Amino acid sequence: TAALLFVSLSEEATSLAALCDRLADQKGWDRREFLNDAKAV
């Protein structure tokens, strides 16, 4: 999960909200839960 966030941020600068929306949709994850985890990571 941390690698997914890091690699995504190495490809483009983006907000966590936008990144988590996109990744949660792709992976079928709960957006709010993933965003909370992503903020900590």
Full PDB file with SEQRES, HELIX, SHEET, SSBOND, CRYST1, ORIGX, SCALE, CONECT and MASTER records, all heavy atoms in Angstrom:
SEQRES   1 A   41  THR ALA ALA LEU LEU PHE VAL SER LEU SER GLU GLU ALA          
SEQRES   2 A   41  THR SER LEU ALA ALA LEU CYS ASP ARG LEU ALA ASP GLN          
SEQRES   3 A   41  LYS GLY TRP ASP ARG ARG GLU PHE LEU ASN ASP ALA LYS          
SEQRES   4 A   41  ALA VAL                                                      
HELIX    1 AA1 ALA A    2  GLU A   11  1                                  10    
HELIX    2 AA2 LEU A   16  LYS A   27  1                                  12    
HELIX    3 AA3 ARG A   31  ALA A   40  1                                  10    
CRYST1    1.000    1.000    1.000  90.00  90.00  90.00 P 1           1          
ORIGX1      1.000000  0.000000  0.000000        0.00000                         
ORIGX2      0.000000  1.000000  0.000000        0.00000                         
ORIGX3      0.000000  0.000000  1.000000        0.00000                         
SCALE1      1.000000  0.000000  0.000000        0.00000                         
SCALE2      0.000000  1.000000  0.000000        0.00000                         
SCALE3      0.000000  0.000000  1.000000        0.00000                         
ATOM      1  N   THR A   1       0.824  -1.209   0.000  1.00  0.00           N  
ATOM      2  CA  THR A   1       0.000   0.000   0.000  1.00  0.00           C  
ATOM      3  C   THR A   1       0.857   1.256   0.000  1.00  0.00           C  
ATOM      4  O   THR A   1       0.617   2.185  -0.773  1.00  0.00           O  
ATOM      5  CB  THR A   1      -0.958   0.008   1.205  1.00  0.00           C  
ATOM      6  OG1 THR A   1      -1.759  -1.180   1.158  1.00  0.00           O  
ATOM      7  CG2 THR A   1      -1.864   1.220   1.184  1.00  0.00           C  
ATOM      8  N   ALA A   2       1.873   1.301   0.853  1.00  0.00           N  
ATOM      9  CA  ALA A   2       2.777   2.457   0.889  1.00  0.00           C  
ATOM     10  C   ALA A   2       3.488   2.609  -0.450  1.00  0.00           C  
ATOM     11  O   ALA A   2       3.645   3.716  -0.960  1.00  0.00           O  
ATOM     12  CB  ALA A   2       3.786   2.309   2.016  1.00  0.00           C  
ATOM     13  N   ALA A   3       3.895   1.484  -1.040  1.00  0.00           N  
ATOM     14  CA  ALA A   3       4.567   1.527  -2.343  1.00  0.00           C  
ATOM     15  C   ALA A   3       3.637   2.068  -3.416  1.00  0.00           C  
ATOM     16  O   ALA A   3       4.054   2.856  -4.272  1.00  0.00           O  
ATOM     17  CB  ALA A   3       5.069   0.137  -2.721  1.00  0.00           C  
ATOM     18  N   LEU A   4       2.373   1.671  -3.374  1.00  0.00           N  
ATOM     19  CA  LEU A   4       1.396   2.162  -4.350  1.00  0.00           C  
ATOM     20  C   LEU A   4       1.268   3.676  -4.259  1.00  0.00           C  
ATOM     21  O   LEU A   4       1.273   4.380  -5.278  1.00  0.00           O  
ATOM     22  CB  LEU A   4       0.045   1.483  -4.112  1.00  0.00           C  
ATOM     23  CG  LEU A   4      -1.107   1.887  -5.016  1.00  0.00           C  
ATOM     24  CD1 LEU A   4      -0.811   1.529  -6.473  1.00  0.00           C  
ATOM     25  CD2 LEU A   4      -2.387   1.211  -4.561  1.00  0.00           C  
ATOM     26  N   LEU A   5       1.195   4.200  -3.042  1.00  0.00           N  
ATOM     27  CA  LEU A   5       1.113   5.646  -2.857  1.00  0.00           C  
ATOM     28  C   LEU A   5       2.391   6.332  -3.333  1.00  0.00           C  
ATOM     29  O   LEU A   5       2.336   7.327  -4.064  1.00  0.00           O  
ATOM     30  CB  LEU A   5       0.866   5.974  -1.381  1.00  0.00           C  
ATOM     31  CG  LEU A   5      -0.506   5.598  -0.838  1.00  0.00           C  
ATOM     32  CD1 LEU A   5      -0.513   5.654   0.684  1.00  0.00           C  
ATOM     33  CD2 LEU A   5      -1.577   6.498  -1.423  1.00  0.00           C  
ATOM     34  N   PHE A   6       3.543   5.807  -2.938  1.00  0.00           N  
ATOM     35  CA  PHE A   6       4.822   6.414  -3.295  1.00  0.00           C  
ATOM     36  C   PHE A   6       5.033   6.431  -4.810  1.00  0.00           C  
ATOM     37  O   PHE A   6       5.398   7.456  -5.391  1.00  0.00           O  
ATOM     38  CB  PHE A   6       5.971   5.669  -2.603  1.00  0.00           C  
ATOM     39  CG  PHE A   6       7.319   6.248  -2.900  1.00  0.00           C  
ATOM     40  CD1 PHE A   6       7.747   7.404  -2.274  1.00  0.00           C  
ATOM     41  CD2 PHE A   6       8.168   5.645  -3.816  1.00  0.00           C  
ATOM     42  CE1 PHE A   6       8.986   7.950  -2.546  1.00  0.00           C  
ATOM     43  CE2 PHE A   6       9.409   6.180  -4.095  1.00  0.00           C  
ATOM     44  CZ  PHE A   6       9.821   7.338  -3.459  1.00  0.00           C  
ATOM     45  N   VAL A   7       4.787   5.298  -5.451  1.00  0.00           N  
ATOM     46  CA  VAL A   7       4.970   5.216  -6.906  1.00  0.00           C  
ATOM     47  C   VAL A   7       3.997   6.159  -7.607  1.00  0.00           C  
ATOM     48  O   VAL A   7       4.372   6.852  -8.558  1.00  0.00           O  
ATOM     49  CB  VAL A   7       4.830   3.757  -7.402  1.00  0.00           C  
ATOM     50  CG1 VAL A   7       4.778   3.700  -8.918  1.00  0.00           C  
ATOM     51  CG2 VAL A   7       5.975   2.906  -6.875  1.00  0.00           C  
ATOM     52  N   SER A   8       2.758   6.219  -7.146  1.00  0.00           N  
ATOM     53  CA  SER A   8       1.785   7.142  -7.742  1.00  0.00           C  
ATOM     54  C   SER A   8       2.241   8.584  -7.601  1.00  0.00           C  
ATOM     55  O   SER A   8       2.107   9.376  -8.538  1.00  0.00           O  
ATOM     56  CB  SER A   8       0.413   6.961  -7.089  1.00  0.00           C  
ATOM     57  OG  SER A   8      -0.103   5.677  -7.339  1.00  0.00           O  
ATOM     58  N   LEU A   9       2.816   8.932  -6.444  1.00  0.00           N  
ATOM     59  CA  LEU A   9       3.300  10.299  -6.241  1.00  0.00           C  
ATOM     60  C   LEU A   9       4.599  10.562  -6.991  1.00  0.00           C  
ATOM     61  O   LEU A   9       4.958  11.714  -7.225  1.00  0.00           O  
ATOM     62  CB  LEU A   9       3.473  10.582  -4.751  1.00  0.00           C  
ATOM     63  CG  LEU A   9       2.162  10.672  -3.971  1.00  0.00           C  
ATOM     64  CD1 LEU A   9       2.425  10.760  -2.480  1.00  0.00           C  
ATOM     65  CD2 LEU A   9       1.326  11.855  -4.444  1.00  0.00           C  
ATOM     66  N   SER A  10       5.305   9.517  -7.391  1.00  0.00           N  
ATOM     67  CA  SER A  10       6.505   9.729  -8.201  1.00  0.00           C  
ATOM     68  C   SER A  10       6.130   9.978  -9.660  1.00  0.00           C  
ATOM     69  O   SER A  10       6.903  10.544 -10.409  1.00  0.00           O  
ATOM     70  CB  SER A  10       7.466   8.540  -8.094  1.00  0.00           C  
ATOM     71  OG  SER A  10       6.972   7.423  -8.772  1.00  0.00           O  
ATOM     72  N   GLU A  11       4.935   9.568 -10.044  1.00  0.00           N  
ATOM     73  CA  GLU A  11       4.470   9.768 -11.419  1.00  0.00           C  
ATOM     74  C   GLU A  11       3.847  11.137 -11.619  1.00  0.00           C  
ATOM     75  O   GLU A  11       3.960  11.724 -12.687  1.00  0.00           O  
ATOM     76  CB  GLU A  11       3.462   8.677 -11.785  1.00  0.00           C  
ATOM     77  CG  GLU A  11       4.098   7.294 -11.838  1.00  0.00           C  
ATOM     78  CD  GLU A  11       3.091   6.166 -11.942  1.00  0.00           C  
ATOM     79  OE1 GLU A  11       1.868   6.431 -11.862  1.00  0.00           O  
ATOM     80  OE2 GLU A  11       3.529   5.017 -12.078  1.00  0.00           O  
ATOM     81  N   GLU A  12       3.165  11.646 -10.591  1.00  0.00           N  
ATOM     82  CA  GLU A  12       2.549  12.970 -10.698  1.00  0.00           C  
ATOM     83  C   GLU A  12       2.293  13.547  -9.319  1.00  0.00           C  
ATOM     84  O   GLU A  12       2.000  12.816  -8.380  1.00  0.00           O  
ATOM     85  CB  GLU A  12       1.229  12.897 -11.469  1.00  0.00           C  
ATOM     86  CG  GLU A  12       0.119  12.181 -10.727  1.00  0.00           C  
ATOM     87  CD  GLU A  12      -1.222  12.243 -11.420  1.00  0.00           C  
ATOM     88  OE1 GLU A  12      -1.612  13.335 -11.858  1.00  0.00           O  
ATOM     89  OE2 GLU A  12      -1.863  11.197 -11.499  1.00  0.00           O  
ATOM     90  N   ALA A  13       2.406  14.865  -9.218  1.00  0.00           N  
ATOM     91  CA  ALA A  13       2.049  15.556  -7.981  1.00  0.00           C  
ATOM     92  C   ALA A  13       0.533  15.660  -7.950  1.00  0.00           C  
ATOM     93  O   ALA A  13      -0.095  16.020  -8.947  1.00  0.00           O  
ATOM     94  CB  ALA A  13       2.679  16.945  -7.959  1.00  0.00           C  
ATOM     95  N   THR A  14      -0.058  15.319  -6.817  1.00  0.00           N  
ATOM     96  CA  THR A  14      -1.511  15.358  -6.709  1.00  0.00           C  
ATOM     97  C   THR A  14      -1.908  15.482  -5.251  1.00  0.00           C  
ATOM     98  O   THR A  14      -1.090  15.284  -4.357  1.00  0.00           O  
ATOM     99  CB  THR A  14      -2.138  14.088  -7.334  1.00  0.00           C  
ATOM    100  OG1 THR A  14      -3.546  14.226  -7.382  1.00  0.00           O  
ATOM    101  CG2 THR A  14      -1.769  12.843  -6.575  1.00  0.00           C  
ATOM    102  N   SER A  15      -3.155  15.808  -5.025  1.00  0.00           N  
ATOM    103  CA  SER A  15      -3.652  15.852  -3.646  1.00  0.00           C  
ATOM    104  C   SER A  15      -3.964  14.432  -3.190  1.00  0.00           C  
ATOM    105  O   SER A  15      -4.244  13.548  -4.004  1.00  0.00           O  
ATOM    106  CB  SER A  15      -4.912  16.715  -3.549  1.00  0.00           C  
ATOM    107  OG  SER A  15      -6.001  16.058  -4.162  1.00  0.00           O  
ATOM    108  N   LEU A  16      -3.909  14.220  -1.899  1.00  0.00           N  
ATOM    109  CA  LEU A  16      -4.239  12.897  -1.369  1.00  0.00           C  
ATOM    110  C   LEU A  16      -5.689  12.544  -1.657  1.00  0.00           C  
ATOM    111  O   LEU A  16      -6.001  11.391  -1.949  1.00  0.00           O  
ATOM    112  CB  LEU A  16      -3.981  12.838   0.129  1.00  0.00           C  
ATOM    113  CG  LEU A  16      -2.543  12.719   0.555  1.00  0.00           C  
ATOM    114  CD1 LEU A  16      -2.451  12.601   2.064  1.00  0.00           C  
ATOM    115  CD2 LEU A  16      -1.880  11.531  -0.089  1.00  0.00           C  
ATOM    116  N   ALA A  17      -6.572  13.531  -1.587  1.00  0.00           N  
ATOM    117  CA  ALA A  17      -7.983  13.264  -1.849  1.00  0.00           C  
ATOM    118  C   ALA A  17      -8.169  12.738  -3.273  1.00  0.00           C  
ATOM    119  O   ALA A  17      -8.846  11.724  -3.489  1.00  0.00           O  
ATOM    120  CB  ALA A  17      -8.818  14.518  -1.624  1.00  0.00           C  
ATOM    121  N   ALA A  18      -7.558  13.395  -4.241  1.00  0.00           N  
ATOM    122  CA  ALA A  18      -7.692  12.963  -5.642  1.00  0.00           C  
ATOM    123  C   ALA A  18      -7.036  11.609  -5.867  1.00  0.00           C  
ATOM    124  O   ALA A  18      -7.593  10.735  -6.552  1.00  0.00           O  
ATOM    125  CB  ALA A  18      -7.089  14.006  -6.578  1.00  0.00           C  
ATOM    126  N   LEU A  19      -5.859  11.417  -5.297  1.00  0.00           N  
ATOM    127  CA  LEU A  19      -5.147  10.154  -5.453  1.00  0.00           C  
ATOM    128  C   LEU A  19      -5.945   9.010  -4.829  1.00  0.00           C  
ATOM    129  O   LEU A  19      -6.104   7.949  -5.435  1.00  0.00           O  
ATOM    130  CB  LEU A  19      -3.757  10.242  -4.821  1.00  0.00           C  
ATOM    131  CG  LEU A  19      -2.907   8.977  -4.868  1.00  0.00           C  
ATOM    132  CD1 LEU A  19      -2.668   8.527  -6.302  1.00  0.00           C  
ATOM    133  CD2 LEU A  19      -1.596   9.206  -4.144  1.00  0.00           C  
ATOM    134  N   CYS A  20      -6.461   9.223  -3.633  1.00  0.00           N  
ATOM    135  CA  CYS A  20      -7.221   8.170  -2.954  1.00  0.00           C  
ATOM    136  C   CYS A  20      -8.533   7.871  -3.667  1.00  0.00           C  
ATOM    137  O   CYS A  20      -8.957   6.715  -3.714  1.00  0.00           O  
ATOM    138  CB  CYS A  20      -7.460   8.542  -1.502  1.00  0.00           C  
ATOM    139  SG  CYS A  20      -5.935   8.451  -0.529  1.00  0.00           S  
ATOM    140  N   ASP A  21      -9.176   8.892  -4.207  1.00  0.00           N  
ATOM    141  CA  ASP A  21     -10.386   8.649  -5.006  1.00  0.00           C  
ATOM    142  C   ASP A  21     -10.073   7.718  -6.165  1.00  0.00           C  
ATOM    143  O   ASP A  21     -10.781   6.731  -6.403  1.00  0.00           O  
ATOM    144  CB  ASP A  21     -10.956   9.962  -5.564  1.00  0.00           C  
ATOM    145  CG  ASP A  21     -11.714  10.765  -4.535  1.00  0.00           C  
ATOM    146  OD1 ASP A  21     -12.056  10.216  -3.465  1.00  0.00           O  
ATOM    147  OD2 ASP A  21     -11.972  11.959  -4.811  1.00  0.00           O  
ATOM    148  N   ARG A  22      -9.007   8.032  -6.896  1.00  0.00           N  
ATOM    149  CA  ARG A  22      -8.642   7.237  -8.072  1.00  0.00           C  
ATOM    150  C   ARG A  22      -8.249   5.810  -7.687  1.00  0.00           C  
ATOM    151  O   ARG A  22      -8.738   4.843  -8.267  1.00  0.00           O  
ATOM    152  CB  ARG A  22      -7.498   7.913  -8.830  1.00  0.00           C  
ATOM    153  CG  ARG A  22      -7.067   7.194 -10.094  1.00  0.00           C  
ATOM    154  CD  ARG A  22      -6.078   8.001 -10.921  1.00  0.00           C  
ATOM    155  NE  ARG A  22      -4.922   8.463 -10.205  1.00  0.00           N  
ATOM    156  CZ  ARG A  22      -3.792   7.761 -10.044  1.00  0.00           C  
ATOM    157  NH1 ARG A  22      -3.691   6.549 -10.541  1.00  0.00           N  
ATOM    158  NH2 ARG A  22      -2.764   8.279  -9.392  1.00  0.00           N  
ATOM    159  N   LEU A  23      -7.373   5.666  -6.688  1.00  0.00           N  
ATOM    160  CA  LEU A  23      -6.907   4.339  -6.300  1.00  0.00           C  
ATOM    161  C   LEU A  23      -8.012   3.506  -5.656  1.00  0.00           C  
ATOM    162  O   LEU A  23      -8.091   2.299  -5.891  1.00  0.00           O  
ATOM    163  CB  LEU A  23      -5.706   4.456  -5.368  1.00  0.00           C  
ATOM    164  CG  LEU A  23      -4.434   5.033  -5.986  1.00  0.00           C  
ATOM    165  CD1 LEU A  23      -3.350   5.201  -4.934  1.00  0.00           C  
ATOM    166  CD2 LEU A  23      -3.943   4.165  -7.132  1.00  0.00           C  
ATOM    167  N   ALA A  24      -8.852   4.134  -4.840  1.00  0.00           N  
ATOM    168  CA  ALA A  24      -9.961   3.402  -4.212  1.00  0.00           C  
ATOM    169  C   ALA A  24     -10.917   2.877  -5.271  1.00  0.00           C  
ATOM    170  O   ALA A  24     -11.391   1.737  -5.172  1.00  0.00           O  
ATOM    171  CB  ALA A  24     -10.694   4.297  -3.214  1.00  0.00           C  
ATOM    172  N   ASP A  25     -11.186   3.683  -6.295  1.00  0.00           N  
ATOM    173  CA  ASP A  25     -12.040   3.220  -7.395  1.00  0.00           C  
ATOM    174  C   ASP A  25     -11.401   2.047  -8.131  1.00  0.00           C  
ATOM    175  O   ASP A  25     -12.059   1.054  -8.434  1.00  0.00           O  
ATOM    176  CB  ASP A  25     -12.319   4.349  -8.396  1.00  0.00           C  
ATOM    177  CG  ASP A  25     -13.360   5.326  -7.900  1.00  0.00           C  
ATOM    178  OD1 ASP A  25     -14.055   5.020  -6.903  1.00  0.00           O  
ATOM    179  OD2 ASP A  25     -13.474   6.416  -8.502  1.00  0.00           O  
ATOM    180  N   GLN A  26     -10.106   2.155  -8.428  1.00  0.00           N  
ATOM    181  CA  GLN A  26      -9.401   1.090  -9.147  1.00  0.00           C  
ATOM    182  C   GLN A  26      -9.359  -0.210  -8.355  1.00  0.00           C  
ATOM    183  O   GLN A  26      -9.493  -1.291  -8.917  1.00  0.00           O  
ATOM    184  CB  GLN A  26      -7.962   1.508  -9.457  1.00  0.00           C  
ATOM    185  CG  GLN A  26      -7.816   2.531 -10.529  1.00  0.00           C  
ATOM    186  CD  GLN A  26      -6.362   2.984 -10.697  1.00  0.00           C  
ATOM    187  OE1 GLN A  26      -5.464   2.541  -9.997  1.00  0.00           O  
ATOM    188  NE2 GLN A  26      -6.144   3.892 -11.635  1.00  0.00           N  
ATOM    189  N   LYS A  27      -9.141  -0.104  -7.050  1.00  0.00           N  
ATOM    190  CA  LYS A  27      -8.936  -1.288  -6.209  1.00  0.00           C  
ATOM    191  C   LYS A  27     -10.208  -1.787  -5.524  1.00  0.00           C  
ATOM    192  O   LYS A  27     -10.201  -2.844  -4.916  1.00  0.00           O  
ATOM    193  CB  LYS A  27      -7.882  -0.994  -5.130  1.00  0.00           C  
ATOM    194  CG  LYS A  27      -6.531  -0.595  -5.680  1.00  0.00           C  
ATOM    195  CD  LYS A  27      -5.833  -1.783  -6.273  1.00  0.00           C  
ATOM    196  CE  LYS A  27      -4.417  -1.435  -6.671  1.00  0.00           C  
ATOM    197  NZ  LYS A  27      -3.709  -2.570  -7.209  1.00  0.00           N  
ATOM    198  N   GLY A  28     -11.277  -1.008  -5.603  1.00  0.00           N  
ATOM    199  CA  GLY A  28     -12.515  -1.392  -4.940  1.00  0.00           C  
ATOM    200  C   GLY A  28     -12.460  -1.214  -3.428  1.00  0.00           C  
ATOM    201  O   GLY A  28     -13.132  -1.928  -2.683  1.00  0.00           O  
ATOM    202  N   TRP A  29     -11.653  -0.274  -2.955  1.00  0.00           N  
ATOM    203  CA  TRP A  29     -11.485  -0.016  -1.533  1.00  0.00           C  
ATOM    204  C   TRP A  29     -12.445   1.071  -1.075  1.00  0.00           C  
ATOM    205  O   TRP A  29     -12.882   1.913  -1.873  1.00  0.00           O  
ATOM    206  CB  TRP A  29     -10.065   0.440  -1.224  1.00  0.00           C  
ATOM    207  CG  TRP A  29      -8.999  -0.579  -1.482  1.00  0.00           C  
ATOM    208  CD1 TRP A  29      -9.140  -1.935  -1.498  1.00  0.00           C  
ATOM    209  CD2 TRP A  29      -7.620  -0.322  -1.771  1.00  0.00           C  
ATOM    210  NE1 TRP A  29      -7.937  -2.541  -1.763  1.00  0.00           N  
ATOM    211  CE2 TRP A  29      -6.987  -1.582  -1.936  1.00  0.00           C  
ATOM    212  CE3 TRP A  29      -6.864   0.824  -1.897  1.00  0.00           C  
ATOM    213  CZ2 TRP A  29      -5.634  -1.700  -2.223  1.00  0.00           C  
ATOM    214  CZ3 TRP A  29      -5.520   0.700  -2.171  1.00  0.00           C  
ATOM    215  CH2 TRP A  29      -4.911  -0.554  -2.330  1.00  0.00           C  
ATOM    216  N   ASP A  30     -12.733   1.096   0.217  1.00  0.00           N  
ATOM    217  CA  ASP A  30     -13.529   2.162   0.803  1.00  0.00           C  
ATOM    218  C   ASP A  30     -12.700   3.451   0.778  1.00  0.00           C  
ATOM    219  O   ASP A  30     -11.606   3.493   1.340  1.00  0.00           O  
ATOM    220  CB  ASP A  30     -13.905   1.792   2.240  1.00  0.00           C  
ATOM    221  CG  ASP A  30     -14.669   2.900   2.921  1.00  0.00           C  
ATOM    222  OD1 ASP A  30     -15.885   3.003   2.683  1.00  0.00           O  
ATOM    223  OD2 ASP A  30     -14.041   3.675   3.686  1.00  0.00           O  
ATOM    224  N   ARG A  31     -13.210   4.485   0.160  1.00  0.00           N  
ATOM    225  CA  ARG A  31     -12.459   5.721  -0.046  1.00  0.00           C  
ATOM    226  C   ARG A  31     -12.059   6.387   1.272  1.00  0.00           C  
ATOM    227  O   ARG A  31     -10.925   6.774   1.468  1.00  0.00           O  
ATOM    228  CB  ARG A  31     -13.274   6.697  -0.892  1.00  0.00           C  
ATOM    229  CG  ARG A  31     -12.520   7.987  -1.168  1.00  0.00           C  
ATOM    230  CD  ARG A  31     -13.465   9.186  -1.242  1.00  0.00           C  
ATOM    231  NE  ARG A  31     -12.721  10.407  -1.478  1.00  0.00           N  
ATOM    232  CZ  ARG A  31     -12.294  11.197  -0.498  1.00  0.00           C  
ATOM    233  NH1 ARG A  31     -12.494  10.880   0.759  1.00  0.00           N  
ATOM    234  NH2 ARG A  31     -11.635  12.301  -0.769  1.00  0.00           N  
ATOM    235  N   ARG A  32     -13.004   6.530   2.188  1.00  0.00           N  
ATOM    236  CA  ARG A  32     -12.741   7.236   3.445  1.00  0.00           C  
ATOM    237  C   ARG A  32     -11.704   6.484   4.283  1.00  0.00           C  
ATOM    238  O   ARG A  32     -10.792   7.078   4.835  1.00  0.00           O  
ATOM    239  CB  ARG A  32     -14.066   7.382   4.199  1.00  0.00           C  
ATOM    240  CG  ARG A  32     -14.071   8.170   5.424  1.00  0.00           C  
ATOM    241  CD  ARG A  32     -13.721   9.623   5.487  1.00  0.00           C  
ATOM    242  NE  ARG A  32     -13.869  10.596   4.477  1.00  0.00           N  
ATOM    243  CZ  ARG A  32     -13.039  11.639   4.346  1.00  0.00           C  
ATOM    244  NH1 ARG A  32     -11.998  11.794   5.122  1.00  0.00           N  
ATOM    245  NH2 ARG A  32     -13.233  12.539   3.430  1.00  0.00           N  
ATOM    246  N   GLU A  33     -11.837   5.171   4.368  1.00  0.00           N  
ATOM    247  CA  GLU A  33     -10.880   4.369   5.137  1.00  0.00           C  
ATOM    248  C   GLU A  33      -9.485   4.444   4.510  1.00  0.00           C  
ATOM    249  O   GLU A  33      -8.484   4.609   5.211  1.00  0.00           O  
ATOM    250  CB  GLU A  33     -11.354   2.922   5.187  1.00  0.00           C  
ATOM    251  CG  GLU A  33     -10.532   2.040   6.074  1.00  0.00           C  
ATOM    252  CD  GLU A  33     -11.105   0.637   6.164  1.00  0.00           C  
ATOM    253  OE1 GLU A  33     -12.334   0.495   6.332  1.00  0.00           O  
ATOM    254  OE2 GLU A  33     -10.308  -0.311   6.061  1.00  0.00           O  
ATOM    255  N   PHE A  34      -9.442   4.353   3.184  1.00  0.00           N  
ATOM    256  CA  PHE A  34      -8.152   4.424   2.489  1.00  0.00           C  
ATOM    257  C   PHE A  34      -7.533   5.808   2.662  1.00  0.00           C  
ATOM    258  O   PHE A  34      -6.325   5.929   2.883  1.00  0.00           O  
ATOM    259  CB  PHE A  34      -8.318   4.064   1.012  1.00  0.00           C  
ATOM    260  CG  PHE A  34      -7.032   4.084   0.241  1.00  0.00           C  
ATOM    261  CD1 PHE A  34      -5.933   3.351   0.656  1.00  0.00           C  
ATOM    262  CD2 PHE A  34      -6.914   4.843  -0.915  1.00  0.00           C  
ATOM    263  CE1 PHE A  34      -4.737   3.365  -0.051  1.00  0.00           C  
ATOM    264  CE2 PHE A  34      -5.725   4.866  -1.634  1.00  0.00           C  
ATOM    265  CZ  PHE A  34      -4.640   4.132  -1.199  1.00  0.00           C  
ATOM    266  N   LEU A  35      -8.328   6.852   2.575  1.00  0.00           N  
ATOM    267  CA  LEU A  35      -7.808   8.211   2.745  1.00  0.00           C  
ATOM    268  C   LEU A  35      -7.201   8.384   4.138  1.00  0.00           C  
ATOM    269  O   LEU A  35      -6.122   8.959   4.281  1.00  0.00           O  
ATOM    270  CB  LEU A  35      -8.903   9.247   2.506  1.00  0.00           C  
ATOM    271  CG  LEU A  35      -8.488  10.709   2.670  1.00  0.00           C  
ATOM    272  CD1 LEU A  35      -7.359  11.097   1.723  1.00  0.00           C  
ATOM    273  CD2 LEU A  35      -9.687  11.627   2.465  1.00  0.00           C  
ATOM    274  N   ASN A  36      -7.872   7.870   5.165  1.00  0.00           N  
ATOM    275  CA  ASN A  36      -7.322   7.970   6.520  1.00  0.00           C  
ATOM    276  C   ASN A  36      -5.990   7.240   6.626  1.00  0.00           C  
ATOM    277  O   ASN A  36      -5.037   7.743   7.222  1.00  0.00           O  
ATOM    278  CB  ASN A  36      -8.315   7.426   7.550  1.00  0.00           C  
ATOM    279  CG  ASN A  36      -9.465   8.377   7.779  1.00  0.00           C  
ATOM    280  OD1 ASN A  36      -9.350   9.578   7.575  1.00  0.00           O  
ATOM    281  ND2 ASN A  36     -10.598   7.842   8.184  1.00  0.00           N  
ATOM    282  N   ASP A  37      -5.907   6.034   6.054  1.00  0.00           N  
ATOM    283  CA  ASP A  37      -4.652   5.285   6.052  1.00  0.00           C  
ATOM    284  C   ASP A  37      -3.572   6.031   5.269  1.00  0.00           C  
ATOM    285  O   ASP A  37      -2.424   6.125   5.699  1.00  0.00           O  
ATOM    286  CB  ASP A  37      -4.840   3.885   5.454  1.00  0.00           C  
ATOM    287  CG  ASP A  37      -5.660   2.972   6.336  1.00  0.00           C  
ATOM    288  OD1 ASP A  37      -5.865   3.304   7.524  1.00  0.00           O  
ATOM    289  OD2 ASP A  37      -6.114   1.929   5.837  1.00  0.00           O  
ATOM    290  N   ALA A  38      -3.959   6.565   4.106  1.00  0.00           N  
ATOM    291  CA  ALA A  38      -2.999   7.261   3.242  1.00  0.00           C  
ATOM    292  C   ALA A  38      -2.445   8.507   3.922  1.00  0.00           C  
ATOM    293  O   ALA A  38      -1.253   8.801   3.803  1.00  0.00           O  
ATOM    294  CB  ALA A  38      -3.660   7.625   1.912  1.00  0.00           C  
ATOM    295  N   LYS A  39      -3.278   9.231   4.651  1.00  0.00           N  
ATOM    296  CA  LYS A  39      -2.807  10.428   5.353  1.00  0.00           C  
ATOM    297  C   LYS A  39      -1.735  10.064   6.373  1.00  0.00           C  
ATOM    298  O   LYS A  39      -0.719  10.750   6.489  1.00  0.00           O  
ATOM    299  CB  LYS A  39      -3.980  11.158   6.007  1.00  0.00           C  
ATOM    300  CG  LYS A  39      -4.826  11.883   4.988  1.00  0.00           C  
ATOM    301  CD  LYS A  39      -6.149  12.414   5.421  1.00  0.00           C  
ATOM    302  CE  LYS A  39      -6.367  12.973   6.736  1.00  0.00           C  
ATOM    303  NZ  LYS A  39      -7.702  13.555   6.941  1.00  0.00           N  
ATOM    304  N   ALA A  40      -1.932   8.973   7.072  1.00  0.00           N  
ATOM    305  CA  ALA A  40      -0.938   8.535   8.062  1.00  0.00           C  
ATOM    306  C   ALA A  40       0.346   8.082   7.376  1.00  0.00           C  
ATOM    307  O   ALA A  40       1.451   8.444   7.798  1.00  0.00           O  
ATOM    308  CB  ALA A  40      -1.514   7.407   8.913  1.00  0.00           C  
ATOM    309  N   VAL A  41       0.223   7.310   6.290  1.00  0.00           N  
ATOM    310  CA  VAL A  41       1.395   6.794   5.581  1.00  0.00           C  
ATOM    311  C   VAL A  41       2.184   7.943   4.947  1.00  0.00           C  
ATOM    312  O   VAL A  41       3.412   8.010   5.076  1.00  0.00           O  
ATOM    313  CB  VAL A  41       0.982   5.757   4.513  1.00  0.00           C  
ATOM    314  CG1 VAL A  41       2.132   5.417   3.583  1.00  0.00           C  
ATOM    315  CG2 VAL A  41       0.440   4.500   5.181  1.00  0.00           C  
TER     316      VAL A  41                                                      
MASTER        0    0    0    3    0    0    0    6  315    1    0    4          
END                                                                             
